[in-house]
Amino acid sequence: MKIGIISDTHDHRANVFKAVEIFNDEKVSYVIHAGDIISSVTANALSGVENVQIVAVFGNCDGERLQLRRTIEELGGEIHEEPYRFVLAERKIFVTHKPGAINEVIESGKYDLVIYGHTHVLDIRKLGRTLVVNPGQTTDWFPKPPSVVIVETDDMSWKVKTLAD
């Protein structure tokens, strides 16, 4: 199963639409958002991903949380306070926005996939059986190119897709 991982969209709808196009091309089954969507308008832009379940956590900049929750639930998705833990395709997944205690979580070896955001910096590494992914930013605040990550749960392979023109 393919998962599309996105974070720190910060209402940059043009790049969200590019991410949606990538997720459709890759035929992802799930989109996991690691926080800082910002508004329900941007969350609604994710509705363009075909046949997908959306799972998200709130970030520190997410305002209008009730409306954001309502919009994501109307899309058939779910949004949670951080951290959120769940099992998908027999893989244990941990999702948070801020990386505060992320190293302890990674070193615990309890999870197959640990996802975080907040830093706007792409970070992909493996420690033991745990794949760690920060997809970077979807916005364009920093000079790094905006990006998303695709993870294949069957073999935990991954690829980075940039959103730059």
Protein backbone atom coordinates (compact mmCIF):
# COMPACT_ATOMS: atom_id res chain seq x y z
CA MET A 1 0.00 0.00 0.00
CA LYS A 2 1.27 3.46 -0.87
CA ILE A 3 1.07 6.32 1.61
CA GLY A 4 1.47 9.97 0.68
CA ILE A 5 3.09 12.00 3.47
CA ILE A 6 2.73 15.77 3.62
CA SER A 7 3.32 18.44 6.24
CA ASP A 8 3.47 22.16 6.87
CA THR A 9 1.20 23.24 4.03
CA HIS A 10 0.59 26.63 5.71
CA ASP A 11 -2.23 27.43 3.28
CA HIS A 12 0.01 27.20 0.20
CA ARG A 13 -2.84 25.89 -1.94
CA ALA A 14 -0.89 25.91 -5.22
CA ASN A 15 1.60 23.43 -3.77
CA VAL A 16 -1.19 21.40 -2.18
CA PHE A 17 -2.71 21.01 -5.65
CA LYS A 18 0.70 19.84 -6.93
CA ALA A 19 0.87 17.33 -4.07
CA VAL A 20 -2.64 16.10 -4.92
CA GLU A 21 -1.53 15.54 -8.52
CA ILE A 22 1.50 13.54 -7.32
CA PHE A 23 -0.61 11.48 -4.92
CA ASN A 24 -3.04 10.67 -7.74
CA ASP A 25 -0.21 9.76 -10.13
CA GLU A 26 1.30 7.50 -7.46
CA LYS A 27 -2.11 6.02 -6.64
CA VAL A 28 -1.69 6.42 -2.89
CA SER A 29 -4.33 4.85 -0.64
CA TYR A 30 -3.67 7.05 2.38
CA VAL A 31 -2.52 10.61 2.87
CA ILE A 32 -0.94 11.36 6.23
CA HIS A 33 -0.60 15.05 7.10
CA ALA A 34 1.83 15.87 9.91
CA GLY A 35 0.28 19.20 10.86
CA ASP A 36 0.07 22.90 10.08
CA ILE A 37 -2.60 22.59 7.42
CA ILE A 38 -3.85 25.97 8.71
CA SER A 39 -7.36 26.36 7.27
CA SER A 40 -10.29 24.27 6.15
CA VAL A 41 -9.95 25.73 2.64
CA THR A 42 -6.54 24.10 2.30
CA ALA A 43 -7.79 20.88 3.90
CA ASN A 44 -10.58 20.81 1.33
CA ALA A 45 -7.99 20.98 -1.46
CA LEU A 46 -6.93 17.47 -0.41
CA SER A 47 -10.35 16.25 -1.59
CA GLY A 48 -8.81 16.04 -5.06
CA VAL A 49 -6.87 12.92 -4.10
CA GLU A 50 -8.88 10.04 -5.52
CA ASN A 51 -10.00 7.06 -3.40
CA VAL A 52 -7.91 8.01 -0.40
CA GLN A 53 -8.24 8.10 3.37
CA ILE A 54 -6.81 11.20 5.06
CA VAL A 55 -5.24 10.99 8.51
CA ALA A 56 -3.81 14.14 10.08
CA VAL A 57 -2.56 15.62 13.32
CA PHE A 58 -2.96 19.21 14.40
CA GLY A 59 0.11 21.42 14.20
CA ASN A 60 0.99 24.39 16.35
CA CYS A 61 -0.21 26.89 13.72
CA ASP A 62 -3.54 25.24 12.93
CA GLY A 63 -6.32 27.70 13.69
CA GLU A 64 -10.06 27.17 13.45
CA ARG A 65 -9.62 23.63 14.75
CA LEU A 66 -13.33 22.87 14.90
CA GLN A 67 -13.83 23.89 11.27
CA LEU A 68 -10.65 22.06 10.23
CA ARG A 69 -11.88 18.89 11.96
CA ARG A 70 -15.32 19.24 10.37
CA THR A 71 -13.84 19.67 6.88
CA ILE A 72 -11.51 16.68 7.16
CA GLU A 73 -14.30 14.50 8.57
CA GLU A 74 -16.58 15.58 5.70
CA LEU A 75 -13.86 14.27 3.38
CA GLY A 76 -14.09 10.94 5.19
CA GLY A 77 -10.82 11.55 7.01
CA GLU A 78 -9.76 12.12 10.57
CA ILE A 79 -7.59 14.61 12.43
CA HIS A 80 -6.12 14.08 15.90
CA GLU A 81 -4.21 15.86 18.60
CA GLU A 82 -0.55 14.90 18.50
CA PRO A 83 0.83 12.34 18.87
CA TYR A 84 -1.39 9.84 17.09
CA ARG A 85 -0.63 6.13 16.91
CA PHE A 86 -2.34 3.63 14.63
CA VAL A 87 -1.83 0.47 12.58
CA LEU A 88 -2.09 0.51 8.81
CA ALA A 89 -1.32 -2.43 6.53
CA GLU A 90 0.16 -4.27 9.52
CA ARG A 91 2.60 -1.38 10.12
CA LYS A 92 2.68 0.48 13.42
CA ILE A 93 2.69 4.20 12.72
CA PHE A 94 3.41 7.17 14.98
CA VAL A 95 2.51 10.66 13.77
CA THR A 96 3.31 13.95 15.49
CA HIS A 97 3.90 17.51 14.45
CA LYS A 98 6.61 18.73 16.78
CA PRO A 99 9.71 16.52 17.04
CA GLY A 100 10.18 17.10 20.81
CA ALA A 101 10.63 13.50 22.03
CA ILE A 102 10.95 11.94 18.59
CA ASN A 103 14.33 10.32 19.25
CA GLU A 104 12.94 8.38 22.22
CA VAL A 105 10.04 7.18 20.10
CA ILE A 106 12.39 6.09 17.31
CA GLU A 107 14.81 4.36 19.67
CA SER A 108 11.94 2.46 21.33
CA GLY A 109 11.72 0.29 18.21
CA LYS A 110 7.93 0.04 18.68
CA TYR A 111 7.05 1.60 15.33
CA ASP A 112 7.62 0.75 11.71
CA LEU A 113 7.05 4.34 10.60
CA VAL A 114 7.53 7.57 12.56
CA ILE A 115 6.28 10.73 10.87
CA TYR A 116 6.78 14.30 12.03
CA GLY A 117 6.78 17.85 10.67
CA HIS A 118 7.30 21.34 12.11
CA THR A 119 10.94 21.85 11.06
CA HIS A 120 10.19 22.33 7.33
CA VAL A 121 13.32 20.25 6.68
CA LEU A 122 13.24 16.96 4.79
CA ASP A 123 14.45 14.09 7.00
CA ILE A 124 14.36 10.46 5.98
CA ARG A 125 16.37 7.87 7.88
CA LYS A 126 16.16 4.35 9.16
CA LEU A 127 17.05 3.16 12.64
CA GLY A 128 16.61 -0.57 13.08
CA ARG A 129 13.19 -1.42 11.70
CA THR A 130 11.91 2.16 12.04
CA LEU A 131 11.64 4.43 9.02
CA VAL A 132 11.58 8.10 10.07
CA VAL A 133 10.00 10.63 7.71
CA ASN A 134 9.66 14.37 7.86
CA PRO A 135 8.48 15.25 4.35
CA GLY A 136 9.79 18.79 4.67
CA GLN A 137 7.49 21.63 3.80
CA THR A 138 4.68 22.07 1.32
CA THR A 139 4.86 25.83 1.70
CA ASP A 140 7.77 27.86 0.35
CA TRP A 141 9.01 29.63 3.46
CA PHE A 142 12.55 28.26 3.35
CA PRO A 143 14.94 27.94 0.41
CA LYS A 144 14.58 24.15 0.36
CA PRO A 145 12.21 22.98 -2.39
CA PRO A 146 8.74 22.00 -1.19
CA SER A 147 8.27 18.23 -1.12
CA VAL A 148 6.14 15.24 -0.20
CA VAL A 149 7.17 11.64 0.43
CA ILE A 150 5.65 8.41 -0.84
CA VAL A 151 6.12 5.28 1.30
CA GLU A 152 5.31 1.75 0.12
CA THR A 153 4.25 -0.19 3.22
CA ASP A 154 4.98 -3.60 1.66
CA ASP A 155 8.75 -3.11 1.78
CA MET A 156 9.00 0.32 3.48
CA SER A 157 10.68 1.82 0.43
CA TRP A 158 10.27 5.54 -0.11
CA LYS A 159 10.74 8.33 -2.58
CA VAL A 160 10.79 12.10 -2.37
CA LYS A 161 8.74 14.13 -4.82
CA THR A 162 9.50 17.84 -5.08
CA LEU A 163 6.74 20.35 -5.77
CA ALA A 164 8.95 22.90 -7.50
CA ASP A 165 8.02 24.08 -10.98
